[in-house]
Amino acid sequence: MKKLSDLKGVVHSDPEIMGGTPVFVGTRVPLQNLIDYLEDGESIEDFLDGFPSVKRAQVITVIEAAKLKMLETV
């Protein structure tokens, strides 16, 4: 099972990159783009097709970390 600390190296925020917007490491793709895709009913595949610099493993790690965070609050 993934831990929230697993997000290190997957998503980061740097004032020098996109003004500090959280992005996938190694890209300039904001995390918000993934959220927007999923909220609009698009698939992970659609997102990866649109942003080929993001790796599938990064997306899965983000989703699993979000799941863990949500389970902590229930």
C-alpha atoms as a PDB file:
ATOM      1  CA  MET A   1       0.000   0.000   0.000  1.00  0.00           C
ATOM      2  CA  LYS A   2       1.286   3.447  -0.892  1.00  0.00           C
ATOM      3  CA  LYS A   3       1.989   6.135   1.665  1.00  0.00           C
ATOM      4  CA  LEU A   4       1.513   9.882   1.269  1.00  0.00           C
ATOM      5  CA  SER A   5       5.286  10.226   1.457  1.00  0.00           C
ATOM      6  CA  ASP A   6       5.417   8.333  -1.855  1.00  0.00           C
ATOM      7  CA  LEU A   7       4.293  11.564  -3.552  1.00  0.00           C
ATOM      8  CA  LYS A   8       7.801  12.906  -3.081  1.00  0.00           C
ATOM      9  CA  GLY A   9       9.412  12.485  -6.456  1.00  0.00           C
ATOM     10  CA  VAL A  10       6.013  12.276  -8.178  1.00  0.00           C
ATOM     11  CA  VAL A  11       4.478  15.722  -7.609  1.00  0.00           C
ATOM     12  CA  HIS A  12       6.238  18.850  -6.429  1.00  0.00           C
ATOM     13  CA  SER A  13       5.849  22.578  -6.135  1.00  0.00           C
ATOM     14  CA  ASP A  14       8.670  24.957  -7.038  1.00  0.00           C
ATOM     15  CA  PRO A  15       8.274  28.732  -7.296  1.00  0.00           C
ATOM     16  CA  GLU A  16      10.506  28.609 -10.389  1.00  0.00           C
ATOM     17  CA  ILE A  17       8.170  26.154 -12.176  1.00  0.00           C
ATOM     18  CA  MET A  18       4.690  27.356 -13.112  1.00  0.00           C
ATOM     19  CA  GLY A  19       4.783  29.856 -10.248  1.00  0.00           C
ATOM     20  CA  GLY A  20       4.719  27.133  -7.604  1.00  0.00           C
ATOM     21  CA  THR A  21       1.699  25.275  -8.987  1.00  0.00           C
ATOM     22  CA  PRO A  22       1.977  21.571  -8.037  1.00  0.00           C
ATOM     23  CA  VAL A  23       3.205  19.685 -11.117  1.00  0.00           C
ATOM     24  CA  PHE A  24       4.256  16.147 -11.956  1.00  0.00           C
ATOM     25  CA  VAL A  25       8.005  15.836 -11.388  1.00  0.00           C
ATOM     26  CA  GLY A  26      10.011  16.145 -14.590  1.00  0.00           C
ATOM     27  CA  THR A  27       7.177  17.965 -16.368  1.00  0.00           C
ATOM     28  CA  ARG A  28       5.349  21.258 -16.409  1.00  0.00           C
ATOM     29  CA  VAL A  29       2.001  19.441 -16.223  1.00  0.00           C
ATOM     30  CA  PRO A  30      -0.087  20.685 -13.284  1.00  0.00           C
ATOM     31  CA  LEU A  31      -1.679  18.101 -11.001  1.00  0.00           C
ATOM     32  CA  GLN A  32      -4.913  20.045 -11.506  1.00  0.00           C
ATOM     33  CA  ASN A  33      -4.959  18.874 -15.141  1.00  0.00           C
ATOM     34  CA  LEU A  34      -5.350  15.261 -13.992  1.00  0.00           C
ATOM     35  CA  ILE A  35      -8.135  16.254 -11.608  1.00  0.00           C
ATOM     36  CA  ASP A  36      -9.895  18.193 -14.375  1.00  0.00           C
ATOM     37  CA  TYR A  37      -9.679  15.247 -16.776  1.00  0.00           C
ATOM     38  CA  LEU A  38     -11.118  12.825 -14.225  1.00  0.00           C
ATOM     39  CA  GLU A  39     -13.870  15.243 -13.165  1.00  0.00           C
ATOM     40  CA  ASP A  40     -14.856  15.633 -16.820  1.00  0.00           C
ATOM     41  CA  GLY A  41     -15.283  11.857 -17.149  1.00  0.00           C
ATOM     42  CA  GLU A  42     -12.092  11.301 -19.116  1.00  0.00           C
ATOM     43  CA  SER A  43      -9.988   8.216 -18.497  1.00  0.00           C
ATOM     44  CA  ILE A  44      -6.427   7.945 -17.248  1.00  0.00           C
ATOM     45  CA  GLU A  45      -5.547   6.829 -20.784  1.00  0.00           C
ATOM     46  CA  ASP A  46      -7.031  10.052 -22.182  1.00  0.00           C
ATOM     47  CA  PHE A  47      -4.934  12.058 -19.734  1.00  0.00           C
ATOM     48  CA  LEU A  48      -1.749  10.153 -20.571  1.00  0.00           C
ATOM     49  CA  ASP A  49      -2.426  10.588 -24.293  1.00  0.00           C
ATOM     50  CA  GLY A  50      -2.808  14.336 -23.754  1.00  0.00           C
ATOM     51  CA  PHE A  51       0.274  14.628 -21.545  1.00  0.00           C
ATOM     52  CA  PRO A  52       2.808  12.023 -22.714  1.00  0.00           C
ATOM     53  CA  SER A  53       5.520  13.413 -20.416  1.00  0.00           C
ATOM     54  CA  VAL A  54       3.568  12.125 -17.395  1.00  0.00           C
ATOM     55  CA  LYS A  55       4.138   8.468 -16.539  1.00  0.00           C
ATOM     56  CA  ARG A  56       1.320   6.062 -15.693  1.00  0.00           C
ATOM     57  CA  ALA A  57       3.059   5.207 -12.402  1.00  0.00           C
ATOM     58  CA  GLN A  58       2.937   8.895 -11.405  1.00  0.00           C
ATOM     59  CA  VAL A  59      -0.816   9.048 -12.006  1.00  0.00           C
ATOM     60  CA  ILE A  60      -1.456   5.832 -10.074  1.00  0.00           C
ATOM     61  CA  THR A  61       0.656   7.050  -7.151  1.00  0.00           C
ATOM     62  CA  VAL A  62      -1.297  10.324  -7.002  1.00  0.00           C
ATOM     63  CA  ILE A  63      -4.649   8.509  -7.084  1.00  0.00           C
ATOM     64  CA  GLU A  64      -3.586   6.056  -4.381  1.00  0.00           C
ATOM     65  CA  ALA A  65      -2.273   8.882  -2.177  1.00  0.00           C
ATOM     66  CA  ALA A  66      -5.574  10.740  -2.591  1.00  0.00           C
ATOM     67  CA  LYS A  67      -7.439   7.577  -1.632  1.00  0.00           C
ATOM     68  CA  LEU A  68      -5.321   7.189   1.519  1.00  0.00           C
ATOM     69  CA  LYS A  69      -5.877  10.824   2.477  1.00  0.00           C
ATOM     70  CA  MET A  70      -9.606  10.436   2.021  1.00  0.00           C
ATOM     71  CA  LEU A  71      -9.688   7.229   4.101  1.00  0.00           C
ATOM     72  CA  GLU A  72      -7.837   9.046   6.897  1.00  0.00           C
ATOM     73  CA  THR A  73     -10.637  11.595   7.136  1.00  0.00           C
ATOM     74  CA  VAL A  74     -13.571   9.174   7.185  1.00  0.00           C
END
